[in-house]
Amino acid sequence: MTSVPPTDTSPPDPRRFAAHLRERMDTGVLSFPLTSFTAAGELDLAAFRTYLRGQVDADPAAFFVACGTGEFFSLTQDEHAAVVRTAVEVADGRIPVLAGLGYGWAQARQFAERAVDAGADAGLLLPHYLVKAPQDGVVEQVRRVAEHTPLPLIAYQRDQVRFGPGAAARIAEFPTVIGLKDGHGDLDALQRLTLSTPADFLFFNGAATAEMQARAYSAIGVPAYSSAVHAFAPEIARAFFTALRGGDRERVEGLLREFYFPLVELRDRRAGYAVALVKAGARLRGLPVGPVRAPLVDPGPADLADLEKLIETGLALVDQD
């Protein structure tokens, strides 16, 4: 792996960072970059650096590196630290860098320590590993990580992790916990969380292919969202964001009908495509990201052909003006 120079490793004040991130989320989507591997499955930091430079040029609100789309679950701690450090170097203070943290709280603490050393601005606390847990347990999981790191933290609810209003209110009291990413898409439940936490507590839409739900989330006061499409077609992601924020209903509808809805249908063909299909899209566009690591599997020829046509359609839609 290619080494990168050391960086400032002092995390920002949580509340100031939250305010800064809120401002950034008004200007663009949240980017979840892919992690580059060689054909043999080894981490390729040189390729990752090249890929990230293209992402920087698209000016997202923030980078969430080594998270779900970045195959956090397939990285060693050393690889994770190298990915975060490289992202910090490439972002060079222009874009906030948040690092994925996860598994049980003991391991999440270790990832957090390495992320601080690598210069991350904040962390995304991914769902804990494997087991279902009661509300007291999911709160305690957050607390045990938050008390051990100066990093501002965003909790992520999806799969086996779901915060109720009381639990959300409790984690919002932790000094370094600044927000919550929602991957469930239950808008009634999410509205209750927004009403149970302070007004400055951040929320954002983290559903798979979040653009499909973006209007609904915005209607309950959660306009910010992550974009997997930004990882391989930032032009399309930016065009949708601009149309949505600008109230261009016709263009929003067109992109949803002609690009995002068919993309979701393609994504749902096979388990793991929420990441593998995104990475395949990046490769089709000549971006140096390499294959996915097991247990994910790269798409076959038929799905790749359909994806290539869909990307062409999406790019043509945003090039019409």
Protein backbone atom coordinates (compact mmCIF):
# COMPACT_ATOMS: atom_id res chain seq x y z
CA MET A 1 0.00 0.00 0.00
CA THR A 2 1.15 3.50 -0.78
CA SER A 3 1.81 5.62 2.28
CA VAL A 4 0.49 9.15 2.68
CA PRO A 5 1.88 12.00 4.79
CA PRO A 6 0.58 12.60 8.31
CA THR A 7 -2.27 15.06 8.81
CA ASP A 8 -3.77 17.14 11.60
CA THR A 9 -5.45 14.61 13.87
CA SER A 10 -7.55 16.92 16.05
CA PRO A 11 -11.28 16.26 15.53
CA PRO A 12 -13.51 19.36 15.37
CA ASP A 13 -15.86 20.50 18.11
CA PRO A 14 -19.00 18.32 17.68
CA ARG A 15 -21.57 21.14 17.68
CA ARG A 16 -19.56 23.34 15.35
CA PHE A 17 -19.00 20.42 13.06
CA ALA A 18 -22.73 19.60 13.10
CA ALA A 19 -23.55 23.18 12.10
CA HIS A 20 -20.94 23.06 9.33
CA LEU A 21 -22.25 19.73 8.05
CA ARG A 22 -25.82 21.04 8.06
CA GLU A 23 -24.72 23.96 5.89
CA ARG A 24 -22.88 21.59 3.56
CA MET A 25 -25.93 19.32 3.27
CA ASP A 26 -27.88 22.25 1.86
CA THR A 27 -25.44 22.46 -1.06
CA GLY A 28 -25.06 18.85 -2.21
CA VAL A 29 -25.52 15.14 -1.62
CA LEU A 30 -23.58 13.05 0.86
CA SER A 31 -21.02 10.93 -0.98
CA PHE A 32 -20.20 7.36 0.03
CA PRO A 33 -17.11 6.58 -2.07
CA LEU A 34 -16.19 3.11 -3.22
CA THR A 35 -12.96 1.53 -2.02
CA SER A 36 -10.54 0.57 -4.80
CA PHE A 37 -9.12 -2.97 -4.99
CA THR A 38 -6.79 -4.63 -7.46
CA ALA A 39 -7.97 -7.51 -9.64
CA ALA A 40 -6.52 -9.81 -6.97
CA GLY A 41 -8.58 -8.10 -4.27
CA GLU A 42 -5.79 -6.10 -2.60
CA LEU A 43 -6.32 -2.53 -1.45
CA ASP A 44 -5.18 -0.12 -4.16
CA LEU A 45 -4.58 3.29 -2.59
CA ALA A 46 -3.16 4.85 -5.76
CA ALA A 47 -6.34 3.99 -7.65
CA PHE A 48 -8.47 5.10 -4.70
CA ARG A 49 -6.72 8.46 -4.69
CA THR A 50 -7.41 8.93 -8.41
CA TYR A 51 -11.04 7.94 -7.97
CA LEU A 52 -11.51 10.30 -5.03
CA ARG A 53 -10.15 13.26 -6.98
CA GLY A 54 -13.04 12.84 -9.39
CA GLN A 55 -15.45 12.74 -6.47
CA VAL A 56 -13.93 15.94 -5.06
CA ASP A 57 -14.45 17.67 -8.41
CA ALA A 58 -18.19 16.92 -8.10
CA ASP A 59 -18.23 18.81 -4.76
CA PRO A 60 -20.43 16.63 -2.54
CA ALA A 61 -21.50 17.83 0.91
CA ALA A 62 -19.23 15.30 2.64
CA PHE A 63 -17.31 12.07 2.17
CA PHE A 64 -18.39 9.04 4.19
CA VAL A 65 -15.46 6.70 3.51
CA ALA A 66 -15.02 3.05 4.46
CA CYS A 67 -18.75 2.76 5.12
CA GLY A 68 -21.25 0.33 3.55
CA THR A 69 -20.65 1.35 -0.06
CA GLY A 70 -16.94 1.43 0.71
CA GLU A 71 -17.07 -2.21 1.90
CA PHE A 72 -16.21 -1.48 5.53
CA PHE A 73 -17.15 -5.06 6.36
CA SER A 74 -14.31 -6.34 4.17
CA LEU A 75 -11.50 -4.08 5.43
CA THR A 76 -8.85 -4.78 8.04
CA GLN A 77 -8.15 -2.06 10.60
CA ASP A 78 -4.93 -1.17 8.82
CA GLU A 79 -6.73 -0.91 5.48
CA HIS A 80 -9.50 1.13 7.05
CA ALA A 81 -6.98 3.60 8.48
CA ALA A 82 -5.19 3.87 5.14
CA VAL A 83 -8.46 4.55 3.31
CA VAL A 84 -9.46 7.27 5.78
CA ARG A 85 -6.02 8.87 5.72
CA THR A 86 -5.99 8.93 1.92
CA ALA A 87 -9.45 10.51 1.82
CA VAL A 88 -8.36 13.18 4.29
CA GLU A 89 -5.33 13.92 2.15
CA VAL A 90 -7.32 14.17 -1.09
CA ALA A 91 -10.15 16.22 0.46
CA ASP A 92 -7.51 18.61 1.82
CA GLY A 93 -9.99 20.44 4.04
CA ARG A 94 -12.39 21.21 1.19
CA ILE A 95 -14.84 18.42 2.03
CA PRO A 96 -15.53 16.92 5.49
CA VAL A 97 -14.42 13.31 5.85
CA LEU A 98 -16.43 10.91 8.01
CA ALA A 99 -15.19 7.37 8.65
CA GLY A 100 -17.24 4.22 9.05
CA LEU A 101 -17.00 2.60 12.51
CA GLY A 102 -18.59 -0.67 13.44
CA TYR A 103 -19.03 -4.20 14.78
CA GLY A 104 -19.30 -4.44 18.58
CA TRP A 105 -18.46 -1.39 20.65
CA ALA A 106 -14.99 -2.68 21.55
CA GLN A 107 -13.98 -2.98 17.89
CA ALA A 108 -15.79 0.22 16.96
CA ARG A 109 -13.62 2.02 19.52
CA GLN A 110 -10.50 0.65 17.84
CA PHE A 111 -11.67 1.81 14.42
CA ALA A 112 -12.44 5.22 15.97
CA GLU A 113 -8.93 5.50 17.43
CA ARG A 114 -7.40 4.78 14.04
CA ALA A 115 -9.79 7.22 12.35
CA VAL A 116 -8.73 10.00 14.73
CA ASP A 117 -5.07 9.29 13.96
CA ALA A 118 -5.88 9.36 10.25
CA GLY A 119 -7.41 12.83 10.55
CA ALA A 120 -11.13 12.04 10.13
CA ASP A 121 -13.55 14.84 10.95
CA ALA A 122 -16.26 12.54 12.31
CA GLY A 123 -17.55 8.99 12.32
CA LEU A 124 -20.60 7.07 11.15
CA LEU A 125 -21.43 4.37 13.71
CA LEU A 126 -22.69 1.45 11.65
CA PRO A 127 -25.19 -1.09 13.04
CA HIS A 128 -23.68 -3.50 15.53
CA TYR A 129 -22.87 -7.00 14.39
CA LEU A 130 -25.33 -9.89 14.07
CA VAL A 131 -27.59 -9.81 17.12
CA LYS A 132 -30.85 -8.02 17.81
CA ALA A 133 -30.83 -5.91 20.95
CA PRO A 134 -33.28 -4.04 23.18
CA GLN A 135 -33.42 -0.25 23.21
CA ASP A 136 -31.23 0.00 26.31
CA GLY A 137 -28.63 -2.06 24.49
CA VAL A 138 -28.50 0.02 21.32
CA VAL A 139 -28.20 3.16 23.44
CA GLU A 140 -25.41 1.59 25.47
CA GLN A 141 -23.61 0.59 22.26
CA VAL A 142 -23.56 4.23 21.17
CA ARG A 143 -22.58 5.45 24.62
CA ARG A 144 -19.61 3.11 24.91
CA VAL A 145 -18.21 4.33 21.61
CA ALA A 146 -19.04 8.00 22.16
CA GLU A 147 -17.38 8.16 25.57
CA HIS A 148 -14.16 6.75 24.15
CA THR A 149 -13.58 9.03 21.16
CA PRO A 150 -13.55 12.79 20.54
CA LEU A 151 -14.97 12.22 17.06
CA PRO A 152 -18.40 13.70 16.37
CA LEU A 153 -20.63 10.68 15.73
CA ILE A 154 -23.67 9.96 13.59
CA ALA A 155 -25.59 6.81 14.50
CA TYR A 156 -26.92 4.65 11.67
CA GLN A 157 -30.19 2.77 12.03
CA ARG A 158 -31.00 -0.04 9.62
CA ASP A 159 -31.48 -3.81 9.64
CA GLN A 160 -31.40 -4.96 13.28
CA VAL A 161 -30.87 -1.47 14.71
CA ARG A 162 -33.90 0.75 15.18
CA PHE A 163 -34.10 3.62 17.67
CA GLY A 164 -37.39 4.49 19.31
CA PRO A 165 -38.15 8.09 20.34
CA GLY A 166 -36.85 7.55 23.87
CA ALA A 167 -33.63 5.95 22.69
CA ALA A 168 -33.06 8.68 20.10
CA ALA A 169 -33.55 11.34 22.76
CA ARG A 170 -31.01 9.60 25.00
CA ILE A 171 -28.25 9.33 22.39
CA ALA A 172 -28.86 12.97 21.42
CA GLU A 173 -27.80 13.87 24.97
CA PHE A 174 -24.32 12.41 24.46
CA PRO A 175 -22.01 15.39 23.78
CA THR A 176 -20.35 13.95 20.68
CA VAL A 177 -23.42 12.37 19.03
CA ILE A 178 -24.67 14.87 16.46
CA GLY A 179 -27.15 12.99 14.30
CA LEU A 180 -28.78 9.90 12.88
CA LYS A 181 -28.79 8.29 9.45
CA ASP A 182 -31.99 6.41 8.65
CA GLY A 183 -32.01 3.32 6.46
CA HIS A 184 -35.47 1.98 7.34
CA GLY A 185 -37.68 4.36 5.41
CA ASP A 186 -40.47 4.25 8.00
CA LEU A 187 -41.44 7.92 7.81
CA ASP A 188 -43.96 7.83 10.64
CA ALA A 189 -41.34 6.39 12.99
CA LEU A 190 -38.69 8.81 11.71
CA GLN A 191 -40.96 11.80 12.24
CA ARG A 192 -41.34 10.75 15.86
CA LEU A 193 -37.55 10.69 16.21
CA THR A 194 -37.18 14.19 14.77
CA LEU A 195 -39.78 15.44 17.25
CA SER A 196 -38.08 13.68 20.18
CA THR A 197 -34.64 15.18 19.67
CA PRO A 198 -33.25 18.74 19.74
CA ALA A 199 -33.85 20.93 16.71
CA ASP A 200 -30.14 20.95 15.85
CA PHE A 201 -29.82 17.15 15.84
CA LEU A 202 -29.00 16.06 12.29
CA PHE A 203 -31.07 13.56 10.34
CA PHE A 204 -30.58 12.30 6.83
CA ASN A 205 -32.07 9.81 4.42
CA GLY A 206 -29.78 6.81 4.08
CA ALA A 207 -32.16 4.46 2.29
CA ALA A 208 -30.80 2.40 -0.59
CA THR A 209 -31.02 4.55 -3.75
CA ALA A 210 -32.15 7.40 -1.51
CA GLU A 211 -33.33 9.59 -4.38
CA MET A 212 -36.41 7.37 -4.70
CA GLN A 213 -37.56 8.48 -1.23
CA ALA A 214 -36.04 11.97 -1.21
CA ARG A 215 -39.30 13.85 -1.71
CA ALA A 216 -41.05 11.92 1.04
CA TYR A 217 -38.20 12.44 3.52
CA SER A 218 -38.08 16.13 2.69
CA ALA A 219 -41.79 16.44 3.43
CA ILE A 220 -41.17 15.49 7.08
CA GLY A 221 -38.23 17.86 7.45
CA VAL A 222 -35.35 15.57 6.43
CA PRO A 223 -34.13 16.93 3.08
CA ALA A 224 -30.53 15.68 3.20
CA TYR A 225 -29.66 12.30 1.73
CA SER A 226 -26.81 10.02 0.76
CA SER A 227 -26.37 9.09 -2.89
CA ALA A 228 -24.93 5.82 -4.12
CA VAL A 229 -25.33 7.13 -7.67
CA HIS A 230 -22.81 9.86 -6.85
CA ALA A 231 -20.20 7.09 -6.54
CA PHE A 232 -20.40 6.29 -10.26
CA ALA A 233 -22.40 9.06 -11.94
CA PRO A 234 -22.05 12.30 -9.99
CA GLU A 235 -23.45 14.26 -12.95
CA ILE A 236 -26.78 12.46 -12.56
CA ALA A 237 -26.76 12.75 -8.78
CA ARG A 238 -26.05 16.48 -8.96
CA ALA A 239 -28.72 17.06 -11.60
CA PHE A 240 -31.34 15.30 -9.48
CA PHE A 241 -30.32 17.23 -6.35
CA THR A 242 -30.46 20.55 -8.19
CA ALA A 243 -33.88 19.76 -9.67
CA LEU A 244 -35.25 18.59 -6.33
CA ARG A 245 -34.03 21.63 -4.41
CA GLY A 246 -35.09 23.96 -7.22
CA GLY A 247 -38.63 22.59 -7.37
CA ASP A 248 -38.24 21.34 -10.95
CA ARG A 249 -40.89 18.65 -10.66
CA GLU A 250 -40.80 17.69 -14.33
CA ARG A 251 -37.09 16.93 -14.25
CA VAL A 252 -37.32 15.10 -10.95
CA GLU A 253 -40.11 12.93 -12.34
CA GLY A 254 -38.18 12.28 -15.53
CA LEU A 255 -35.05 11.16 -13.71
CA LEU A 256 -37.04 8.98 -11.33
CA ARG A 257 -39.00 7.30 -14.13
CA GLU A 258 -36.23 6.87 -16.66
CA PHE A 259 -33.18 6.30 -14.47
CA TYR A 260 -33.72 5.77 -10.74
CA PHE A 261 -36.71 3.43 -10.88
CA PRO A 262 -35.08 1.12 -13.46
CA LEU A 263 -31.88 1.25 -11.39
CA VAL A 264 -33.78 0.05 -8.31
CA GLU A 265 -35.36 -2.75 -10.34
CA LEU A 266 -31.90 -3.80 -11.51
CA ARG A 267 -30.46 -3.47 -7.99
CA ASP A 268 -33.12 -5.79 -6.62
CA ARG A 269 -32.23 -8.63 -8.96
CA ARG A 270 -29.56 -10.01 -6.65
CA ALA A 271 -28.45 -9.72 -3.03
CA GLY A 272 -25.48 -7.40 -2.59
CA TYR A 273 -26.17 -5.31 -5.68
CA ALA A 274 -26.63 -2.19 -3.53
CA VAL A 275 -22.81 -2.16 -3.54
CA ALA A 276 -21.75 -4.50 -6.35
CA LEU A 277 -23.90 -2.78 -8.97
CA VAL A 278 -22.59 0.65 -7.94
CA LYS A 279 -19.03 -0.57 -8.25
CA ALA A 280 -19.80 -2.10 -11.64
CA GLY A 281 -21.22 1.24 -12.76
CA ALA A 282 -17.99 2.95 -11.76
CA ARG A 283 -15.94 0.42 -13.75
CA LEU A 284 -18.18 0.91 -16.80
CA ARG A 285 -17.34 4.59 -16.62
CA GLY A 286 -13.61 3.89 -16.52
CA LEU A 287 -13.16 4.68 -12.83
CA PRO A 288 -10.35 2.75 -11.08
CA VAL A 289 -12.29 0.93 -8.37
CA GLY A 290 -11.70 -2.73 -9.20
CA PRO A 291 -13.93 -5.62 -8.13
CA VAL A 292 -15.91 -6.17 -4.95
CA ARG A 293 -14.58 -8.43 -2.23
CA ALA A 294 -16.36 -11.57 -1.07
CA PRO A 295 -19.00 -12.15 0.14
CA LEU A 296 -20.22 -9.73 -2.57
CA VAL A 297 -20.19 -10.85 -6.20
CA ASP A 298 -19.72 -8.69 -9.29
CA PRO A 299 -22.63 -8.58 -11.78
CA GLY A 300 -22.68 -10.92 -14.76
CA PRO A 301 -22.69 -9.91 -18.46
CA ALA A 302 -26.47 -9.53 -18.84
CA ASP A 303 -26.84 -7.26 -15.83
CA LEU A 304 -23.78 -5.27 -16.87
CA ALA A 305 -25.27 -4.70 -20.31
CA ASP A 306 -28.51 -3.45 -18.76
CA LEU A 307 -26.58 -1.21 -16.37
CA GLU A 308 -24.52 0.27 -19.20
CA LYS A 309 -27.67 1.17 -21.16
CA LEU A 310 -29.22 2.68 -18.05
CA ILE A 311 -26.17 4.86 -17.37
CA GLU A 312 -26.28 6.05 -20.98
CA THR A 313 -29.94 6.96 -20.51
CA GLY A 314 -29.26 8.84 -17.29
CA LEU A 315 -26.37 10.81 -18.78
CA ALA A 316 -28.45 11.68 -21.83
CA LEU A 317 -31.22 12.97 -19.57
CA VAL A 318 -28.91 15.35 -17.71
CA ASP A 319 -27.18 16.45 -20.93
CA GLN A 320 -30.41 17.64 -22.55
CA ASP A 321 -30.10 21.25 -21.43
